[in-house]
PDB file of N, CA and C in Angstrom:
ATOM      1  N   UNK A   1     -34.374-105.497 155.563  1.00  0.00           N
ATOM      2  CA  UNK A   1     -34.143-105.419 156.983  1.00  0.00           C
ATOM      3  C   UNK A   1     -33.638-106.770 157.488  1.00  0.00           C
ATOM      4  N   UNK A   2     -33.113-106.738 158.734  1.00  0.00           N
ATOM      5  CA  UNK A   2     -32.556-107.955 159.293  1.00  0.00           C
ATOM      6  C   UNK A   2     -33.619-108.937 159.731  1.00  0.00           C
ATOM      7  N   UNK A   3     -33.220-110.164 159.846  1.00  0.00           N
ATOM      8  CA  UNK A   3     -34.138-111.234 160.241  1.00  0.00           C
ATOM      9  C   UNK A   3     -33.959-111.496 161.739  1.00  0.00           C
ATOM     10  N   UNK A   4     -35.032-111.612 162.461  1.00  0.00           N
ATOM     11  CA  UNK A   4     -34.995-111.855 163.896  1.00  0.00           C
ATOM     12  C   UNK A   4     -34.917-113.352 164.141  1.00  0.00           C
ATOM     13  N   UNK A   5     -33.912-113.726 164.880  1.00  0.00           N
ATOM     14  CA  UNK A   5     -33.719-115.140 165.181  1.00  0.00           C
ATOM     15  C   UNK A   5     -34.221-115.385 166.595  1.00  0.00           C
ATOM     16  N   UNK A   6     -35.469-115.724 166.719  1.00  0.00           N
ATOM     17  CA  UNK A   6     -36.054-115.897 168.041  1.00  0.00           C
ATOM     18  C   UNK A   6     -35.596-117.178 168.715  1.00  0.00           C
ATOM     19  N   UNK A   7     -35.101-118.120 167.955  1.00  0.00           N
ATOM     20  CA  UNK A   7     -34.664-119.360 168.580  1.00  0.00           C
ATOM     21  C   UNK A   7     -33.400-119.139 169.419  1.00  0.00           C
ATOM     22  N   UNK A   8     -32.667-118.066 169.144  1.00  0.00           N
ATOM     23  CA  UNK A   8     -31.455-117.774 169.912  1.00  0.00           C
ATOM     24  C   UNK A   8     -31.798-117.362 171.338  1.00  0.00           C
ATOM     25  N   UNK A   9     -32.987-116.828 171.540  1.00  0.00           N
ATOM     26  CA  UNK A   9     -33.365-116.326 172.853  1.00  0.00           C
ATOM     27  C   UNK A   9     -34.070-117.370 173.702  1.00  0.00           C
ATOM     28  N   UNK A  10     -34.412-118.475 173.155  1.00  0.00           N
ATOM     29  CA  UNK A  10     -35.089-119.533 173.905  1.00  0.00           C
ATOM     30  C   UNK A  10     -34.047-120.420 174.572  1.00  0.00           C
ATOM     31  N   UNK A  11     -34.313-120.806 175.788  1.00  0.00           N
ATOM     32  CA  UNK A  11     -33.416-121.714 176.487  1.00  0.00           C
ATOM     33  C   UNK A  11     -33.642-123.124 175.998  1.00  0.00           C
ATOM     34  N   UNK A  12     -32.725-124.000 176.341  1.00  0.00           N
ATOM     35  CA  UNK A  12     -32.887-125.397 175.973  1.00  0.00           C
ATOM     36  C   UNK A  12     -34.069-125.959 176.735  1.00  0.00           C
ATOM     37  N   UNK A  13     -34.826-126.766 176.071  1.00  0.00           N
ATOM     38  CA  UNK A  13     -36.008-127.325 176.729  1.00  0.00           C
ATOM     39  C   UNK A  13     -35.623-128.363 177.777  1.00  0.00           C
ATOM     40  N   UNK A  14     -34.436-128.947 177.663  1.00  0.00           N
ATOM     41  CA  UNK A  14     -34.004-129.974 178.599  1.00  0.00           C
ATOM     42  C   UNK A  14     -33.436-129.412 179.886  1.00  0.00           C
ATOM     43  N   UNK A  15     -32.948-128.177 179.874  1.00  0.00           N
ATOM     44  CA  UNK A  15     -32.329-127.588 181.057  1.00  0.00           C
ATOM     45  C   UNK A  15     -33.290-126.625 181.738  1.00  0.00           C
ATOM     46  N   UNK A  16     -33.204-126.550 183.047  1.00  0.00           N
ATOM     47  CA  UNK A  16     -34.047-125.579 183.748  1.00  0.00           C
ATOM     48  C   UNK A  16     -33.338-124.235 183.725  1.00  0.00           C
ATOM     49  N   UNK A  17     -34.070-123.167 183.482  1.00  0.00           N
ATOM     50  CA  UNK A  17     -33.502-121.835 183.400  1.00  0.00           C
ATOM     51  C   UNK A  17     -33.465-121.145 184.753  1.00  0.00           C
ATOM     52  N   UNK A  18     -33.972-121.776 185.783  1.00  0.00           N
ATOM     53  CA  UNK A  18     -34.054-121.173 187.102  1.00  0.00           C
ATOM     54  C   UNK A  18     -32.786-121.497 187.875  1.00  0.00           C
ATOM     55  N   UNK A  19     -32.127-120.457 188.376  1.00  0.00           N
ATOM     56  CA  UNK A  19     -30.947-120.661 189.207  1.00  0.00           C
ATOM     57  C   UNK A  19     -31.388-120.960 190.627  1.00  0.00           C
ATOM     58  N   UNK A  20     -30.702-121.863 191.288  1.00  0.00           N
ATOM     59  CA  UNK A  20     -31.087-122.165 192.672  1.00  0.00           C
ATOM     60  C   UNK A  20     -30.765-120.977 193.570  1.00  0.00           C
ATOM     61  N   UNK A  21     -31.695-120.608 194.426  1.00  0.00           N
ATOM     62  CA  UNK A  21     -31.459-119.502 195.347  1.00  0.00           C
ATOM     63  C   UNK A  21     -30.914-120.065 196.656  1.00  0.00           C
ATOM     64  N   UNK A  22     -29.933-119.397 197.240  1.00  0.00           N
ATOM     65  CA  UNK A  22     -29.378-119.882 198.499  1.00  0.00           C
ATOM     66  C   UNK A  22     -30.385-119.702 199.636  1.00  0.00           C
ATOM     67  N   UNK A  23     -30.198-120.464 200.666  1.00  0.00           N
ATOM     68  CA  UNK A  23     -31.095-120.369 201.814  1.00  0.00           C
ATOM     69  C   UNK A  23     -30.909-119.016 202.497  1.00  0.00           C
ATOM     70  N   UNK A  24     -31.828-118.699 203.375  1.00  0.00           N
ATOM     71  CA  UNK A  24     -31.786-117.407 204.073  1.00  0.00           C
ATOM     72  C   UNK A  24     -30.513-117.281 204.912  1.00  0.00           C
ATOM     73  N   UNK A  25     -30.102-118.384 205.541  1.00  0.00           N
ATOM     74  CA  UNK A  25     -28.891-118.345 206.372  1.00  0.00           C
ATOM     75  C   UNK A  25     -27.642-118.111 205.524  1.00  0.00           C
ATOM     76  N   UNK A  26     -27.564-118.750 204.370  1.00  0.00           N
ATOM     77  CA  UNK A  26     -26.409-118.564 203.479  1.00  0.00           C
ATOM     78  C   UNK A  26     -26.385-117.135 202.957  1.00  0.00           C
ATOM     79  N   UNK A  27     -27.540-116.617 202.573  1.00  0.00           N
ATOM     80  CA  UNK A  27     -27.617-115.234 202.094  1.00  0.00           C
ATOM     81  C   UNK A  27     -27.190-114.257 203.174  1.00  0.00           C
ATOM     82  N   UNK A  28     -27.646-114.485 204.389  1.00  0.00           N
ATOM     83  CA  UNK A  28     -27.308-113.621 205.511  1.00  0.00           C
ATOM     84  C   UNK A  28     -25.803-113.625 205.750  1.00  0.00           C
ATOM     85  N   UNK A  29     -25.189-114.813 205.698  1.00  0.00           N
ATOM     86  CA  UNK A  29     -23.746-114.920 205.907  1.00  0.00           C
ATOM     87  C   UNK A  29     -22.979-114.187 204.803  1.00  0.00           C
ATOM     88  N   UNK A  30     -23.426-114.312 203.564  1.00  0.00           N
ATOM     89  CA  UNK A  30     -22.777-113.615 202.451  1.00  0.00           C
ATOM     90  C   UNK A  30     -22.902-112.104 202.609  1.00  0.00           C
ATOM     91  N   UNK A  31     -24.054-111.645 203.076  1.00  0.00           N
ATOM     92  CA  UNK A  31     -24.245-110.212 203.288  1.00  0.00           C
ATOM     93  C   UNK A  31     -23.339-109.692 204.404  1.00  0.00           C
ATOM     94  N   UNK A  32     -23.177-110.476 205.457  1.00  0.00           N
ATOM     95  CA  UNK A  32     -22.301-110.086 206.560  1.00  0.00           C
ATOM     96  C   UNK A  32     -20.863-109.983 206.070  1.00  0.00           C
ATOM     97  N   UNK A  33     -20.425-110.968 205.278  1.00  0.00           N
ATOM     98  CA  UNK A  33     -19.062-110.947 204.763  1.00  0.00           C
ATOM     99  C   UNK A  33     -18.837-109.742 203.852  1.00  0.00           C
ATOM    100  N   UNK A  34     -19.812-109.433 203.007  1.00  0.00           N
ATOM    101  CA  UNK A  34     -19.691-108.283 202.103  1.00  0.00           C
ATOM    102  C   UNK A  34     -19.632-106.978 202.904  1.00  0.00           C
ATOM    103  N   UNK A  35     -20.428-106.881 203.952  1.00  0.00           N
ATOM    104  CA  UNK A  35     -20.425-105.675 204.782  1.00  0.00           C
ATOM    105  C   UNK A  35     -19.072-105.506 205.479  1.00  0.00           C
ATOM    106  N   UNK A  36     -18.488-106.594 205.961  1.00  0.00           N
ATOM    107  CA  UNK A  36     -17.183-106.525 206.604  1.00  0.00           C
ATOM    108  C   UNK A  36     -16.106-106.087 205.619  1.00  0.00           C
ATOM    109  N   UNK A  37     -16.166-106.607 204.381  1.00  0.00           N
ATOM    110  CA  UNK A  37     -15.194-106.187 203.363  1.00  0.00           C
ATOM    111  C   UNK A  37     -15.331-104.702 203.062  1.00  0.00           C
ATOM    112  N   UNK A  38     -16.572-104.227 202.937  1.00  0.00           N
ATOM    113  CA  UNK A  38     -16.785-102.800 202.658  1.00  0.00           C
ATOM    114  C   UNK A  38     -16.273-101.937 203.799  1.00  0.00           C
ATOM    115  N   UNK A  39     -16.516-102.372 205.045  1.00  0.00           N
ATOM    116  CA  UNK A  39     -16.059-101.618 206.203  1.00  0.00           C
ATOM    117  C   UNK A  39     -14.535-101.538 206.231  1.00  0.00           C
ATOM    118  N   UNK A  40     -13.882-102.654 205.976  1.00  0.00           N
ATOM    119  CA  UNK A  40     -12.417-102.681 205.975  1.00  0.00           C
ATOM    120  C   UNK A  40     -11.858-101.805 204.856  1.00  0.00           C
ATOM    121  N   UNK A  41     -12.474-101.848 203.692  1.00  0.00           N
ATOM    122  CA  UNK A  41     -12.017-101.017 202.574  1.00  0.00           C
ATOM    123  C   UNK A  41     -12.184 -99.537 202.896  1.00  0.00           C
ATOM    124  N   UNK A  42     -13.288 -99.173 203.531  1.00  0.00           N
ATOM    125  CA  UNK A  42     -13.525 -97.775 203.872  1.00  0.00           C
ATOM    126  C   UNK A  42     -12.562 -97.280 204.942  1.00  0.00           C
ATOM    127  N   UNK A  43     -12.209 -98.142 205.883  1.00  0.00           N
ATOM    128  CA  UNK A  43     -11.266 -97.752 206.931  1.00  0.00           C
ATOM    129  C   UNK A  43      -9.888 -97.470 206.350  1.00  0.00           C
ATOM    130  N   UNK A  44      -9.490 -98.246 205.359  1.00  0.00           N
ATOM    131  CA  UNK A  44      -8.143 -98.136 204.814  1.00  0.00           C
ATOM    132  C   UNK A  44      -8.078 -97.243 203.582  1.00  0.00           C
ATOM    133  N   UNK A  45      -9.165 -96.661 203.183  1.00  0.00           N
ATOM    134  CA  UNK A  45      -9.174 -95.820 201.987  1.00  0.00           C
ATOM    135  C   UNK A  45      -8.251 -94.618 202.197  1.00  0.00           C
ATOM    136  N   UNK A  46      -7.337 -94.426 201.273  1.00  0.00           N
ATOM    137  CA  UNK A  46      -6.431 -93.292 201.329  1.00  0.00           C
ATOM    138  C   UNK A  46      -5.193 -93.524 202.181  1.00  0.00           C
ATOM    139  N   UNK A  47      -5.097 -94.646 202.841  1.00  0.00           N
ATOM    140  CA  UNK A  47      -3.944 -94.945 203.683  1.00  0.00           C
ATOM    141  C   UNK A  47      -3.031 -95.897 202.915  1.00  0.00           C
ATOM    142  N   UNK A  48      -1.794 -95.444 202.685  1.00  0.00           N
ATOM    143  CA  UNK A  48      -0.860 -96.284 201.936  1.00  0.00           C
ATOM    144  C   UNK A  48      -0.122 -97.243 202.857  1.00  0.00           C
ATOM    145  N   UNK A  49       0.268 -96.762 204.021  1.00  0.00           N
ATOM    146  CA  UNK A  49       1.028 -97.585 204.960  1.00  0.00           C
ATOM    147  C   UNK A  49       0.248 -97.690 206.266  1.00  0.00           C
ATOM    148  N   UNK A  50      -0.516 -98.753 206.405  1.00  0.00           N
ATOM    149  CA  UNK A  50      -1.379 -98.934 207.569  1.00  0.00           C
ATOM    150  C   UNK A  50      -0.567 -99.079 208.856  1.00  0.00           C
ATOM    151  N   UNK A  51       0.572 -99.755 208.789  1.00  0.00           N
ATOM    152  CA  UNK A  51       1.403 -99.945 209.979  1.00  0.00           C
ATOM    153  C   UNK A  51       1.943 -98.606 210.493  1.00  0.00           C
ATOM    154  N   UNK A  52       2.298 -97.716 209.588  1.00  0.00           N
ATOM    155  CA  UNK A  52       2.801 -96.398 209.990  1.00  0.00           C
ATOM    156  C   UNK A  52       1.719 -95.621 210.728  1.00  0.00           C
ATOM    157  N   UNK A  53       0.500 -95.696 210.239  1.00  0.00           N
ATOM    158  CA  UNK A  53      -0.613 -95.006 210.888  1.00  0.00           C
ATOM    159  C   UNK A  53      -0.844 -95.566 212.285  1.00  0.00           C
ATOM    160  N   UNK A  54      -0.765 -96.883 212.423  1.00  0.00           N
ATOM    161  CA  UNK A  54      -0.953 -97.496 213.743  1.00  0.00           C
ATOM    162  C   UNK A  54       0.144 -97.057 214.710  1.00  0.00           C
ATOM    163  N   UNK A  55       1.393 -96.990 214.218  1.00  0.00           N
ATOM    164  CA  UNK A  55       2.494 -96.529 215.075  1.00  0.00           C
ATOM    165  C   UNK A  55       2.278 -95.093 215.516  1.00  0.00           C
ATOM    166  N   UNK A  56       1.815 -94.245 214.595  1.00  0.00           N
ATOM    167  CA  UNK A  56       1.568 -92.849 214.940  1.00  0.00           C
ATOM    168  C   UNK A  56       0.453 -92.731 215.974  1.00  0.00           C
ATOM    169  N   UNK A  57      -0.576 -93.544 215.850  1.00  0.00           N
ATOM    170  CA  UNK A  57      -1.665 -93.517 216.824  1.00  0.00           C
ATOM    171  C   UNK A  57      -1.170 -93.946 218.199  1.00  0.00           C
ATOM    172  N   UNK A  58      -0.323 -94.971 218.235  1.00  0.00           N
ATOM    173  CA  UNK A  58       0.216 -95.436 219.516  1.00  0.00           C
ATOM    174  C   UNK A  58       1.079 -94.341 220.159  1.00  0.00           C
ATOM    175  N   UNK A  59       1.914 -93.676 219.352  1.00  0.00           N
ATOM    176  CA  UNK A  59       2.740 -92.589 219.885  1.00  0.00           C
ATOM    177  C   UNK A  59       1.882 -91.453 220.423  1.00  0.00           C
ATOM    178  N   UNK A  60       0.833 -91.113 219.708  1.00  0.00           N
ATOM    179  CA  UNK A  60      -0.053 -90.030 220.143  1.00  0.00           C
ATOM    180  C   UNK A  60      -0.752 -90.389 221.451  1.00  0.00           C
ATOM    181  N   UNK A  61      -1.199 -91.651 221.576  1.00  0.00           N
ATOM    182  CA  UNK A  61      -1.839 -92.088 222.821  1.00  0.00           C
ATOM    183  C   UNK A  61      -0.848 -92.028 223.983  1.00  0.00           C
ATOM    184  N   UNK A  62       0.403 -92.414 223.710  1.00  0.00           N
ATOM    185  CA  UNK A  62       1.436 -92.376 224.747  1.00  0.00           C
ATOM    186  C   UNK A  62       1.679 -90.935 225.200  1.00  0.00           C
ATOM    187  N   UNK A  63       1.763 -90.017 224.243  1.00  0.00           N
ATOM    188  CA  UNK A  63       1.964 -88.602 224.576  1.00  0.00           C
ATOM    189  C   UNK A  63       0.777 -88.060 225.369  1.00  0.00           C
ATOM    190  N   UNK A  64      -0.440 -88.462 224.980  1.00  0.00           N
ATOM    191  CA  UNK A  64      -1.630 -88.008 225.691  1.00  0.00           C
ATOM    192  C   UNK A  64      -1.622 -88.490 227.143  1.00  0.00           C
ATOM    193  N   UNK A  65      -1.217 -89.738 227.350  1.00  0.00           N
ATOM    194  CA  UNK A  65      -1.159 -90.271 228.715  1.00  0.00           C
ATOM    195  C   UNK A  65      -0.119 -89.524 229.552  1.00  0.00           C
ATOM    196  N   UNK A  66       1.026 -89.213 228.935  1.00  0.00           N
ATOM    197  CA  UNK A  66       2.071 -88.481 229.648  1.00  0.00           C
ATOM    198  C   UNK A  66       1.593 -87.077 230.009  1.00  0.00           C
ATOM    199  N   UNK A  67       0.894 -86.422 229.096  1.00  0.00           N
ATOM    200  CA  UNK A  67       0.378 -85.079 229.368  1.00  0.00           C
ATOM    201  C   UNK A  67      -0.668 -85.137 230.475  1.00  0.00           C
ATOM    202  N   UNK A  68      -1.499 -86.169 230.483  1.00  0.00           N
ATOM    203  CA  UNK A  68      -2.507 -86.318 231.524  1.00  0.00           C
ATOM    204  C   UNK A  68      -1.889 -86.607 232.880  1.00  0.00           C
ATOM    205  N   UNK A  69      -0.763 -87.299 232.888  1.00  0.00           N
ATOM    206  CA  UNK A  69      -0.079 -87.625 234.139  1.00  0.00           C
ATOM    207  C   UNK A  69       0.553 -86.389 234.762  1.00  0.00           C
ATOM    208  N   UNK A  70       0.843 -85.365 233.973  1.00  0.00           N
ATOM    209  CA  UNK A  70       1.460 -84.137 234.486  1.00  0.00           C
ATOM    210  C   UNK A  70       0.422 -83.220 235.124  1.00  0.00           C
ATOM    211  N   UNK A  71      -0.829 -83.577 235.049  1.00  0.00           N
ATOM    212  CA  UNK A  71      -1.849 -82.770 235.675  1.00  0.00           C
ATOM    213  C   UNK A  71      -2.518 -81.785 234.736  1.00  0.00           C
ATOM    214  N   UNK A  72      -2.064 -81.718 233.512  1.00  0.00           N
ATOM    215  CA  UNK A  72      -2.683 -80.817 232.549  1.00  0.00           C
ATOM    216  C   UNK A  72      -3.870 -81.522 231.906  1.00  0.00           C
ATOM    217  N   UNK A  73      -4.942 -80.792 231.652  1.00  0.00           N
ATOM    218  CA  UNK A  73      -6.076 -81.427 230.999  1.00  0.00           C
ATOM    219  C   UNK A  73      -5.731 -81.787 229.556  1.00  0.00           C
ATOM    220  N   UNK A  74      -6.237 -82.913 229.135  1.00  0.00           N
ATOM    221  CA  UNK A  74      -5.981 -83.390 227.781  1.00  0.00           C
ATOM    222  C   UNK A  74      -7.225 -83.123 226.944  1.00  0.00           C
ATOM    223  N   UNK A  75      -7.058 -82.303 225.924  1.00  0.00           N
ATOM    224  CA  UNK A  75      -8.164 -82.000 225.025  1.00  0.00           C
ATOM    225  C   UNK A  75      -7.980 -82.789 223.749  1.00  0.00           C
ATOM    226  N   UNK A  76      -9.043 -83.439 223.316  1.00  0.00           N
ATOM    227  CA  UNK A  76      -8.969 -84.214 222.089  1.00  0.00           C
ATOM    228  C   UNK A  76      -9.949 -83.639 221.080  1.00  0.00           C
ATOM    229  N   UNK A  77      -9.510 -83.593 219.848  1.00  0.00           N
ATOM    230  CA  UNK A  77     -10.387 -83.171 218.763  1.00  0.00           C
ATOM    231  C   UNK A  77     -11.125 -84.389 218.243  1.00  0.00           C
ATOM    232  N   UNK A  78     -12.389 -84.224 218.046  1.00  0.00           N
ATOM    233  CA  UNK A  78     -13.176 -85.307 217.492  1.00  0.00           C
ATOM    234  C   UNK A  78     -13.779 -84.845 216.179  1.00  0.00           C
ATOM    235  N   UNK A  79     -13.587 -85.645 215.154  1.00  0.00           N
ATOM    236  CA  UNK A  79     -14.147 -85.325 213.862  1.00  0.00           C
ATOM    237  C   UNK A  79     -15.076 -86.447 213.447  1.00  0.00           C
ATOM    238  N   UNK A  80     -16.016 -86.116 212.631  1.00  0.00           N
ATOM    239  CA  UNK A  80     -16.859 -87.162 212.064  1.00  0.00           C
ATOM    240  C   UNK A  80     -18.201 -87.271 212.613  1.00  0.00           C
TER     241      UNK A  80
END
């Protein structure tokens, strides 16, 4: 059978094996940044051309305002 080399698993006696933990404020800031990245990724998921989507939204809002100005009620679908 094979020989177990336990010395490979021991850390150097001269170096500390403990990683420094960031302060609570630094951790909080990192968590906020990660949450913002996740939110941005989720918003853009499935959208290839973000500028095109923004233009379409602006056109739709413009059409909605024009329809509302004519006196007709504007019905909006809400999903989610």
